[in-house]
Structure formats: C-alpha cells, structure tokens
Amino acid sequence: MPWHVCAATATGKSHLDAGTSCQDALSHQVRDGVLVAAVCDGAGSQPLSGEGAQAIARDVVAGLVARLAAGVPLPTLAAADLEAEVAACLSAVRETLQARADQAGVALGSYAATLVGVVTDGERGGFFHVGDGIAVADARDTALAPVLSLPENGEYANETYFVTGQDWRAHLRLTPISHPVRRVALMSDGAASFVMARGSGGLFPAFIDPVQAFLSAAPEAQGSAALQGTLADPRTWRITGDDKALLLALWQ
C-alpha cells in the first residue's frame, strides 16, 4: 500500500476543565491506492457538534469511497467535476444528518461542524473544505511550494462556516492537487496552532520532521497512538486550549 496513515484526536484543555468530550473527529480509507480522508471540527456553541463531526467525517469518506468503488475516477476528474461529486456526497450526508436531527427533535445546526478533506492517488486529486481547519500537500519535488487549503472565516476571526449551514454549498471550496505528493496533512485549528509554520505557509519543520521520522518507521496503529500522545501532551496547553485533530499520510 503506497500510503502510510497515522491519525489522532485529543481533547483540549478547555474541554477537560469543563468535563466535556472532544468535538474534533476524523476518518480515512485507502481504496486501490486512493486516499480519502476528512477532519471535522464541531462548533463549540452547539450541543451535539461532536456527534456531528463524527458523523460527517465518517459518512463523507464512506460516500466518496463508494463512488470510487462504483468506478468514478475521483482523483483524475477536472476540479469542477470533483467538486460536484463532493457536493453530491455532502448533500446526502446532510440529508442523513437531518433525519437524525428530526428523530432527536433538534435542529440540524445542533450538529454543526466544519470539514477539511482530501482525495488523492498520490499523483493528483484535490482538497475539499467548508469552514476552518487546514490541509497541506507537500510535493515529492521539494522545489515546489506546498498546496494549501486554509481556513475560511467570517467577518470576525472566531466565525466560520459549517456543513450544516444553509449556505454550505456557497462555502464549499475545492483546491486541486496537480503534482505528485510525498505527504498530506489534514488538521483542525487546534492542531494547526503548532503544526503549521508562522504565517501558515507550510508545516512547521521543528514539529513535523521528528514526528514524521518516528511515524514512518512505526506501524500505523502504533504511530497513531504516539501521535495521540503528542496531541494530548500538556505542553500543548500553553499554545491552545482547543481540541486537536491531525491526520498525516506519507507516500511510501
């Protein structure tokens, strides 16, 4: 398998102090060499956002993998066509979540969560994004700049957009990946505060280089456990009190 994927979430200090659970979630699958992955960050102001993040991450990955299984060549589609496939998948995810909300007697917005994800065969593909979070694809040709999908915030810094919002389609962004990659990183805002370099122009070498050196030599389960320990380290509390989610996929 060309992809070596390690991923983890950790509850932030603010939620630990409040006795509440982590509202970040992630999911990934690799099918026939194609990586499909997603990271979701639940809205702290909504009571069921952690459940929403889990459902959206899981179901969008499953929906896109189902399209691959049906013969849709997602990584090689033109950007507009890939965006249309992602939009159709998200529409179905929203319908499922709406049915869940109706059964629970709550508003769809109770499950509010952002989304950042990727579809790539290692040669091409794209990031899809609603709201905040960050995605990075570093090229095998190290002379090339990384492909980035950065947060979209509203009028104020703490505002963003959610998959459950009425205007979700207007805020769905597709960023093409048009060259071979050596690693892909998806992360929530909490993790980005120390995983990204200053200015968010790429991954922070002092963090990512030793982490990748360990993960690349470890089995995925062991690597994911170690990554979880890193994200949960109390030393990160000096940087952020937010929940953290990080998925790192290495091309091998």
C-alpha atoms as a PDB file:
ATOM      1  CA  MET A   1       0.000   0.000   0.000  1.00  0.00           C
ATOM      2  CA  PRO A   2       1.538   3.356  -1.024  1.00  0.00           C
ATOM      3  CA  TRP A   3       0.020   5.295   1.863  1.00  0.00           C
ATOM      4  CA  HIS A   4       1.121   5.141   5.488  1.00  0.00           C
ATOM      5  CA  VAL A   5      -1.552   6.945   7.524  1.00  0.00           C
ATOM      6  CA  CYS A   6      -1.423   7.933  11.177  1.00  0.00           C
ATOM      7  CA  ALA A   7      -4.220   9.960  12.718  1.00  0.00           C
ATOM      8  CA  ALA A   8      -5.411  11.044  16.144  1.00  0.00           C
ATOM      9  CA  THR A   9      -7.575  13.450  18.099  1.00  0.00           C
ATOM     10  CA  ALA A  10      -7.089  14.890  21.587  1.00  0.00           C
ATOM     11  CA  THR A  11      -9.405  16.738  23.939  1.00  0.00           C
ATOM     12  CA  GLY A  12      -8.350  20.322  24.577  1.00  0.00           C
ATOM     13  CA  LYS A  13      -7.635  21.797  27.990  1.00  0.00           C
ATOM     14  CA  SER A  14     -10.805  23.894  27.903  1.00  0.00           C
ATOM     15  CA  HIS A  15     -12.953  20.786  27.422  1.00  0.00           C
ATOM     16  CA  LEU A  16     -11.003  18.803  30.003  1.00  0.00           C
ATOM     17  CA  ASP A  17     -11.644  21.557  32.544  1.00  0.00           C
ATOM     18  CA  ALA A  18     -15.340  21.622  31.640  1.00  0.00           C
ATOM     19  CA  GLY A  19     -15.649  17.838  31.695  1.00  0.00           C
ATOM     20  CA  THR A  20     -16.830  17.717  28.076  1.00  0.00           C
ATOM     21  CA  SER A  21     -15.693  15.419  25.291  1.00  0.00           C
ATOM     22  CA  CYS A  22     -13.591  16.126  22.228  1.00  0.00           C
ATOM     23  CA  GLN A  23     -15.525  17.778  19.396  1.00  0.00           C
ATOM     24  CA  ASP A  24     -12.939  17.028  16.691  1.00  0.00           C
ATOM     25  CA  ALA A  25     -13.231  13.884  14.573  1.00  0.00           C
ATOM     26  CA  LEU A  26     -11.502  12.262  11.619  1.00  0.00           C
ATOM     27  CA  SER A  27     -11.852   9.347   9.239  1.00  0.00           C
ATOM     28  CA  HIS A  28      -9.907   7.849   6.357  1.00  0.00           C
ATOM     29  CA  GLN A  29      -9.868   4.937   3.948  1.00  0.00           C
ATOM     30  CA  VAL A  30      -7.465   3.843   1.223  1.00  0.00           C
ATOM     31  CA  ARG A  31      -9.017   2.079  -1.769  1.00  0.00           C
ATOM     32  CA  ASP A  32      -6.924   0.883  -4.713  1.00  0.00           C
ATOM     33  CA  GLY A  33      -4.178   3.348  -3.800  1.00  0.00           C
ATOM     34  CA  VAL A  34      -6.548   6.313  -3.443  1.00  0.00           C
ATOM     35  CA  LEU A  35      -6.536   8.104  -0.105  1.00  0.00           C
ATOM     36  CA  VAL A  36      -9.848   9.560   1.053  1.00  0.00           C
ATOM     37  CA  ALA A  37      -9.710  11.377   4.379  1.00  0.00           C
ATOM     38  CA  ALA A  38     -11.557  14.017   6.370  1.00  0.00           C
ATOM     39  CA  VAL A  39     -11.153  16.042   9.558  1.00  0.00           C
ATOM     40  CA  CYS A  40     -14.135  17.771  11.180  1.00  0.00           C
ATOM     41  CA  ASP A  41     -14.245  20.326  13.980  1.00  0.00           C
ATOM     42  CA  GLY A  42     -17.523  20.600  15.877  1.00  0.00           C
ATOM     43  CA  ALA A  43     -18.852  24.046  16.772  1.00  0.00           C
ATOM     44  CA  GLY A  44     -18.277  24.642  20.468  1.00  0.00           C
ATOM     45  CA  SER A  45     -21.547  26.566  20.738  1.00  0.00           C
ATOM     46  CA  GLN A  46     -23.687  23.612  19.631  1.00  0.00           C
ATOM     47  CA  PRO A  47     -24.645  20.769  21.997  1.00  0.00           C
ATOM     48  CA  LEU A  48     -24.298  17.863  19.537  1.00  0.00           C
ATOM     49  CA  SER A  49     -21.433  19.147  17.429  1.00  0.00           C
ATOM     50  CA  GLY A  50     -19.090  16.341  18.482  1.00  0.00           C
ATOM     51  CA  GLU A  51     -21.608  13.813  17.194  1.00  0.00           C
ATOM     52  CA  GLY A  52     -21.994  15.866  14.038  1.00  0.00           C
ATOM     53  CA  ALA A  53     -18.239  15.962  13.472  1.00  0.00           C
ATOM     54  CA  GLN A  54     -18.008  12.182  13.830  1.00  0.00           C
ATOM     55  CA  ALA A  55     -20.939  11.539  11.509  1.00  0.00           C
ATOM     56  CA  ILE A  56     -19.799  13.976   8.821  1.00  0.00           C
ATOM     57  CA  ALA A  57     -16.192  12.729   8.794  1.00  0.00           C
ATOM     58  CA  ARG A  58     -17.260   9.089   8.666  1.00  0.00           C
ATOM     59  CA  ASP A  59     -20.045   9.488   6.118  1.00  0.00           C
ATOM     60  CA  VAL A  60     -18.269  11.788   3.667  1.00  0.00           C
ATOM     61  CA  VAL A  61     -15.334   9.375   3.489  1.00  0.00           C
ATOM     62  CA  ALA A  62     -17.664   6.395   3.076  1.00  0.00           C
ATOM     63  CA  GLY A  63     -19.659   8.211   0.410  1.00  0.00           C
ATOM     64  CA  LEU A  64     -16.614   9.133  -1.651  1.00  0.00           C
ATOM     65  CA  VAL A  65     -15.153   5.630  -1.337  1.00  0.00           C
ATOM     66  CA  ALA A  66     -18.470   4.259  -2.586  1.00  0.00           C
ATOM     67  CA  ARG A  67     -18.098   6.453  -5.647  1.00  0.00           C
ATOM     68  CA  LEU A  68     -14.607   5.059  -6.225  1.00  0.00           C
ATOM     69  CA  ALA A  69     -15.988   1.541  -5.897  1.00  0.00           C
ATOM     70  CA  ALA A  70     -18.640   2.410  -8.497  1.00  0.00           C
ATOM     71  CA  GLY A  71     -15.916   3.384 -10.954  1.00  0.00           C
ATOM     72  CA  VAL A  72     -15.878   7.171 -10.579  1.00  0.00           C
ATOM     73  CA  PRO A  73     -12.191   8.180 -11.062  1.00  0.00           C
ATOM     74  CA  LEU A  74     -12.251  10.918  -8.434  1.00  0.00           C
ATOM     75  CA  PRO A  75      -8.522  11.840  -8.378  1.00  0.00           C
ATOM     76  CA  THR A  76      -8.349  12.330 -12.143  1.00  0.00           C
ATOM     77  CA  LEU A  77     -11.526  14.373 -12.536  1.00  0.00           C
ATOM     78  CA  ALA A  78     -11.370  18.023 -13.531  1.00  0.00           C
ATOM     79  CA  ALA A  79     -11.636  20.304 -10.495  1.00  0.00           C
ATOM     80  CA  ALA A  80     -15.238  21.322 -11.254  1.00  0.00           C
ATOM     81  CA  ASP A  81     -16.292  17.696 -11.654  1.00  0.00           C
ATOM     82  CA  LEU A  82     -14.572  16.629  -8.427  1.00  0.00           C
ATOM     83  CA  GLU A  83     -16.243  19.498  -6.600  1.00  0.00           C
ATOM     84  CA  ALA A  84     -19.615  18.374  -7.966  1.00  0.00           C
ATOM     85  CA  GLU A  85     -19.011  14.821  -6.714  1.00  0.00           C
ATOM     86  CA  VAL A  86     -18.055  16.094  -3.258  1.00  0.00           C
ATOM     87  CA  ALA A  87     -21.087  18.394  -3.203  1.00  0.00           C
ATOM     88  CA  ALA A  88     -23.407  15.497  -4.090  1.00  0.00           C
ATOM     89  CA  CYS A  89     -21.833  13.406  -1.345  1.00  0.00           C
ATOM     90  CA  LEU A  90     -22.201  16.207   1.211  1.00  0.00           C
ATOM     91  CA  SER A  91     -25.816  16.737   0.199  1.00  0.00           C
ATOM     92  CA  ALA A  92     -26.503  13.078   1.013  1.00  0.00           C
ATOM     93  CA  VAL A  93     -24.608  13.399   4.295  1.00  0.00           C
ATOM     94  CA  ARG A  94     -26.736  16.412   5.236  1.00  0.00           C
ATOM     95  CA  GLU A  95     -29.937  14.505   4.435  1.00  0.00           C
ATOM     96  CA  THR A  96     -28.886  11.655   6.715  1.00  0.00           C
ATOM     97  CA  LEU A  97     -27.979  14.087   9.471  1.00  0.00           C
ATOM     98  CA  GLN A  98     -31.290  15.944   9.012  1.00  0.00           C
ATOM     99  CA  ALA A  99     -33.170  12.674   9.502  1.00  0.00           C
ATOM    100  CA  ARG A 100     -31.157  12.083  12.666  1.00  0.00           C
ATOM    101  CA  ALA A 101     -31.971  15.596  13.881  1.00  0.00           C
ATOM    102  CA  ASP A 102     -35.677  15.139  13.152  1.00  0.00           C
ATOM    103  CA  GLN A 103     -35.732  11.902  15.115  1.00  0.00           C
ATOM    104  CA  ALA A 104     -33.979  13.578  18.047  1.00  0.00           C
ATOM    105  CA  GLY A 105     -36.260  16.613  17.877  1.00  0.00           C
ATOM    106  CA  VAL A 106     -33.414  19.089  17.404  1.00  0.00           C
ATOM    107  CA  ALA A 107     -32.286  21.495  14.697  1.00  0.00           C
ATOM    108  CA  LEU A 108     -29.766  20.389  12.083  1.00  0.00           C
ATOM    109  CA  GLY A 109     -27.469  23.138  13.335  1.00  0.00           C
ATOM    110  CA  SER A 110     -27.118  21.299  16.637  1.00  0.00           C
ATOM    111  CA  TYR A 111     -24.663  19.034  14.785  1.00  0.00           C
ATOM    112  CA  ALA A 112     -22.646  21.914  13.295  1.00  0.00           C
ATOM    113  CA  ALA A 113     -19.112  21.034  12.194  1.00  0.00           C
ATOM    114  CA  THR A 114     -16.529  22.203   9.702  1.00  0.00           C
ATOM    115  CA  LEU A 115     -14.874  19.892   7.176  1.00  0.00           C
ATOM    116  CA  VAL A 116     -11.482  19.636   5.518  1.00  0.00           C
ATOM    117  CA  GLY A 117     -10.691  16.584   3.404  1.00  0.00           C
ATOM    118  CA  VAL A 118      -8.717  15.095   0.549  1.00  0.00           C
ATOM    119  CA  VAL A 119      -8.991  12.687  -2.344  1.00  0.00           C
ATOM    120  CA  THR A 120      -5.667  11.753  -3.947  1.00  0.00           C
ATOM    121  CA  ASP A 121      -3.911   8.846  -5.599  1.00  0.00           C
ATOM    122  CA  GLY A 122      -0.546  10.401  -4.784  1.00  0.00           C
ATOM    123  CA  GLU A 123      -0.196  11.899  -8.257  1.00  0.00           C
ATOM    124  CA  ARG A 124      -3.190  14.245  -8.371  1.00  0.00           C
ATOM    125  CA  GLY A 125      -6.530  14.888  -6.697  1.00  0.00           C
ATOM    126  CA  GLY A 126      -7.836  17.697  -4.522  1.00  0.00           C
ATOM    127  CA  PHE A 127      -8.698  19.129  -1.134  1.00  0.00           C
ATOM    128  CA  PHE A 128     -12.328  19.898  -0.242  1.00  0.00           C
ATOM    129  CA  HIS A 129     -13.124  22.345   2.507  1.00  0.00           C
ATOM    130  CA  VAL A 130     -16.004  24.004   4.368  1.00  0.00           C
ATOM    131  CA  GLY A 131     -15.002  26.412   7.133  1.00  0.00           C
ATOM    132  CA  ASP A 132     -11.803  26.333   9.142  1.00  0.00           C
ATOM    133  CA  GLY A 133      -9.062  23.734   9.548  1.00  0.00           C
ATOM    134  CA  ILE A 134      -6.033  23.404   7.265  1.00  0.00           C
ATOM    135  CA  ALA A 135      -4.815  20.945   4.624  1.00  0.00           C
ATOM    136  CA  VAL A 136      -1.262  20.697   3.263  1.00  0.00           C
ATOM    137  CA  ALA A 137       0.170  18.599   0.427  1.00  0.00           C
ATOM    138  CA  ASP A 138       3.972  18.631   0.146  1.00  0.00           C
ATOM    139  CA  ALA A 139       5.358  17.748  -3.281  1.00  0.00           C
ATOM    140  CA  ARG A 140       7.842  14.993  -3.972  1.00  0.00           C
ATOM    141  CA  ASP A 141       9.749  17.660  -5.867  1.00  0.00           C
ATOM    142  CA  THR A 142      10.914  19.682  -2.867  1.00  0.00           C
ATOM    143  CA  ALA A 143      11.479  22.743  -5.066  1.00  0.00           C
ATOM    144  CA  LEU A 144       7.714  23.119  -5.419  1.00  0.00           C
ATOM    145  CA  ALA A 145       5.637  25.038  -2.900  1.00  0.00           C
ATOM    146  CA  PRO A 146       3.104  23.073  -0.862  1.00  0.00           C
ATOM    147  CA  VAL A 147      -0.535  23.016  -1.905  1.00  0.00           C
ATOM    148  CA  LEU A 148      -2.564  24.629   0.874  1.00  0.00           C
ATOM    149  CA  SER A 149      -6.227  24.842   1.781  1.00  0.00           C
ATOM    150  CA  LEU A 150      -6.528  27.470   4.500  1.00  0.00           C
ATOM    151  CA  PRO A 151      -9.397  28.406   6.847  1.00  0.00           C
ATOM    152  CA  GLU A 152     -12.340  30.486   5.705  1.00  0.00           C
ATOM    153  CA  ASN A 153     -13.611  32.701   8.471  1.00  0.00           C
ATOM    154  CA  GLY A 154     -16.473  35.160   8.554  1.00  0.00           C
ATOM    155  CA  GLU A 155     -16.442  38.847   9.355  1.00  0.00           C
ATOM    156  CA  TYR A 156     -14.871  38.085  12.732  1.00  0.00           C
ATOM    157  CA  ALA A 157     -11.870  35.869  13.455  1.00  0.00           C
ATOM    158  CA  ASN A 158     -13.883  33.385  15.514  1.00  0.00           C
ATOM    159  CA  GLU A 159     -16.600  32.983  12.851  1.00  0.00           C
ATOM    160  CA  THR A 160     -16.588  30.227  10.278  1.00  0.00           C
ATOM    161  CA  TYR A 161     -18.908  28.085   8.140  1.00  0.00           C
ATOM    162  CA  PHE A 162     -20.386  24.651   8.734  1.00  0.00           C
ATOM    163  CA  VAL A 163     -21.539  21.694   6.661  1.00  0.00           C
ATOM    164  CA  THR A 164     -24.891  22.003   8.438  1.00  0.00           C
ATOM    165  CA  GLY A 165     -25.331  25.667   7.472  1.00  0.00           C
ATOM    166  CA  GLN A 166     -27.880  26.756   4.872  1.00  0.00           C
ATOM    167  CA  ASP A 167     -25.088  28.399   2.870  1.00  0.00           C
ATOM    168  CA  TRP A 168     -22.769  25.354   2.942  1.00  0.00           C
ATOM    169  CA  ARG A 169     -22.695  24.983  -0.854  1.00  0.00           C
ATOM    170  CA  ALA A 170     -21.510  28.552  -1.381  1.00  0.00           C
ATOM    171  CA  HIS A 171     -18.639  27.885   1.027  1.00  0.00           C
ATOM    172  CA  LEU A 172     -17.527  24.514  -0.347  1.00  0.00           C
ATOM    173  CA  ARG A 173     -14.017  25.041  -1.750  1.00  0.00           C
ATOM    174  CA  LEU A 174     -12.034  22.681  -3.972  1.00  0.00           C
ATOM    175  CA  THR A 175      -8.248  23.048  -4.248  1.00  0.00           C
ATOM    176  CA  PRO A 176      -6.648  20.881  -6.969  1.00  0.00           C
ATOM    177  CA  ILE A 177      -3.530  18.820  -6.269  1.00  0.00           C
ATOM    178  CA  SER A 178      -1.770  18.648  -9.620  1.00  0.00           C
ATOM    179  CA  HIS A 179       1.653  17.169  -8.841  1.00  0.00           C
ATOM    180  CA  PRO A 180       2.958  14.044  -7.060  1.00  0.00           C
ATOM    181  CA  VAL A 181       2.958  14.376  -3.275  1.00  0.00           C
ATOM    182  CA  ARG A 182       5.165  12.913  -0.558  1.00  0.00           C
ATOM    183  CA  ARG A 183       2.894  13.706   2.356  1.00  0.00           C
ATOM    184  CA  VAL A 184      -0.546  15.085   3.100  1.00  0.00           C
ATOM    185  CA  ALA A 185      -1.647  16.626   6.380  1.00  0.00           C
ATOM    186  CA  LEU A 186      -5.193  17.458   7.489  1.00  0.00           C
ATOM    187  CA  MET A 187      -5.765  19.236  10.790  1.00  0.00           C
ATOM    188  CA  SER A 188      -8.248  21.151  12.886  1.00  0.00           C
ATOM    189  CA  ASP A 189      -7.497  24.675  14.078  1.00  0.00           C
ATOM    190  CA  GLY A 190      -6.322  23.440  17.458  1.00  0.00           C
ATOM    191  CA  ALA A 191      -3.585  21.310  15.933  1.00  0.00           C
ATOM    192  CA  ALA A 192      -2.702  23.943  13.334  1.00  0.00           C
ATOM    193  CA  SER A 193      -1.623  26.312  16.095  1.00  0.00           C
ATOM    194  CA  PHE A 194       1.613  24.321  16.490  1.00  0.00           C
ATOM    195  CA  VAL A 195       1.760  22.052  13.407  1.00  0.00           C
ATOM    196  CA  MET A 196       1.856  24.959  10.948  1.00  0.00           C
ATOM    197  CA  ALA A 197       4.763  27.345  10.487  1.00  0.00           C
ATOM    198  CA  ARG A 198       4.273  31.001  11.283  1.00  0.00           C
ATOM    199  CA  GLY A 199       2.201  32.607   8.555  1.00  0.00           C
ATOM    200  CA  SER A 200       0.643  29.219   7.654  1.00  0.00           C
ATOM    201  CA  GLY A 201       2.783  28.860   4.552  1.00  0.00           C
ATOM    202  CA  GLY A 202       3.554  25.223   5.291  1.00  0.00           C
ATOM    203  CA  LEU A 203       4.189  22.669   8.015  1.00  0.00           C
ATOM    204  CA  PHE A 204       6.486  23.680  10.902  1.00  0.00           C
ATOM    205  CA  PRO A 205       9.736  21.711  10.350  1.00  0.00           C
ATOM    206  CA  ALA A 206      10.675  21.613  14.044  1.00  0.00           C
ATOM    207  CA  PHE A 207       7.413  19.785  14.731  1.00  0.00           C
ATOM    208  CA  ILE A 208       6.798  17.712  11.632  1.00  0.00           C
ATOM    209  CA  ASP A 209      10.305  16.410  10.886  1.00  0.00           C
ATOM    210  CA  PRO A 210      10.831  14.407  14.103  1.00  0.00           C
ATOM    211  CA  VAL A 211       7.182  13.322  14.123  1.00  0.00           C
ATOM    212  CA  GLN A 212       7.422  12.027  10.558  1.00  0.00           C
ATOM    213  CA  ALA A 213      10.736  10.291  11.257  1.00  0.00           C
ATOM    214  CA  PHE A 214       9.078   8.283  14.015  1.00  0.00           C
ATOM    215  CA  LEU A 215       5.770   7.640  12.267  1.00  0.00           C
ATOM    216  CA  SER A 216       7.327   6.459   9.025  1.00  0.00           C
ATOM    217  CA  ALA A 217       9.138   3.656  10.888  1.00  0.00           C
ATOM    218  CA  ALA A 218       6.201   2.635  13.091  1.00  0.00           C
ATOM    219  CA  PRO A 219       3.150   0.503  12.273  1.00  0.00           C
ATOM    220  CA  GLU A 220       0.087   2.653  11.672  1.00  0.00           C
ATOM    221  CA  ALA A 221      -1.656   1.714  14.932  1.00  0.00           C
ATOM    222  CA  GLN A 222       1.477   2.393  16.981  1.00  0.00           C
ATOM    223  CA  GLY A 223       2.110   5.624  15.100  1.00  0.00           C
ATOM    224  CA  SER A 224      -1.447   6.827  15.648  1.00  0.00           C
ATOM    225  CA  ALA A 225      -1.171   6.082  19.381  1.00  0.00           C
ATOM    226  CA  ALA A 226       2.081   8.032  19.565  1.00  0.00           C
ATOM    227  CA  LEU A 227       0.539  10.899  17.629  1.00  0.00           C
ATOM    228  CA  GLN A 228      -2.378  10.963  20.062  1.00  0.00           C
ATOM    229  CA  GLY A 229       0.082  11.211  22.929  1.00  0.00           C
ATOM    230  CA  THR A 230       1.783  14.143  21.234  1.00  0.00           C
ATOM    231  CA  LEU A 231      -1.502  15.989  20.679  1.00  0.00           C
ATOM    232  CA  ALA A 232      -2.607  15.347  24.278  1.00  0.00           C
ATOM    233  CA  ASP A 233       0.725  16.449  25.797  1.00  0.00           C
ATOM    234  CA  PRO A 234       0.061  19.117  28.474  1.00  0.00           C
ATOM    235  CA  ARG A 235       2.824  21.212  26.927  1.00  0.00           C
ATOM    236  CA  THR A 236       0.416  21.972  24.060  1.00  0.00           C
ATOM    237  CA  TRP A 237      -1.911  23.684  26.542  1.00  0.00           C
ATOM    238  CA  ARG A 238       0.442  26.680  26.601  1.00  0.00           C
ATOM    239  CA  ILE A 239      -0.330  27.139  22.904  1.00  0.00           C
ATOM    240  CA  THR A 240      -4.014  26.236  22.673  1.00  0.00           C
ATOM    241  CA  GLY A 241      -6.870  25.073  24.856  1.00  0.00           C
ATOM    242  CA  ASP A 242      -8.777  23.802  21.829  1.00  0.00           C
ATOM    243  CA  ASP A 243      -9.410  20.214  20.781  1.00  0.00           C
ATOM    244  CA  LYS A 244      -6.896  18.882  18.282  1.00  0.00           C
ATOM    245  CA  ALA A 245      -7.119  16.543  15.286  1.00  0.00           C
ATOM    246  CA  LEU A 246      -4.267  15.642  12.942  1.00  0.00           C
ATOM    247  CA  LEU A 247      -4.019  13.157  10.096  1.00  0.00           C
ATOM    248  CA  LEU A 248      -0.658  12.612   8.420  1.00  0.00           C
ATOM    249  CA  ALA A 249      -0.479  10.468   5.272  1.00  0.00           C
ATOM    250  CA  LEU A 250       3.002   9.578   3.997  1.00  0.00           C
ATOM    251  CA  TRP A 251       3.618   8.337   0.468  1.00  0.00           C
ATOM    252  CA  GLN A 252       5.929   5.313   0.679  1.00  0.00           C
END
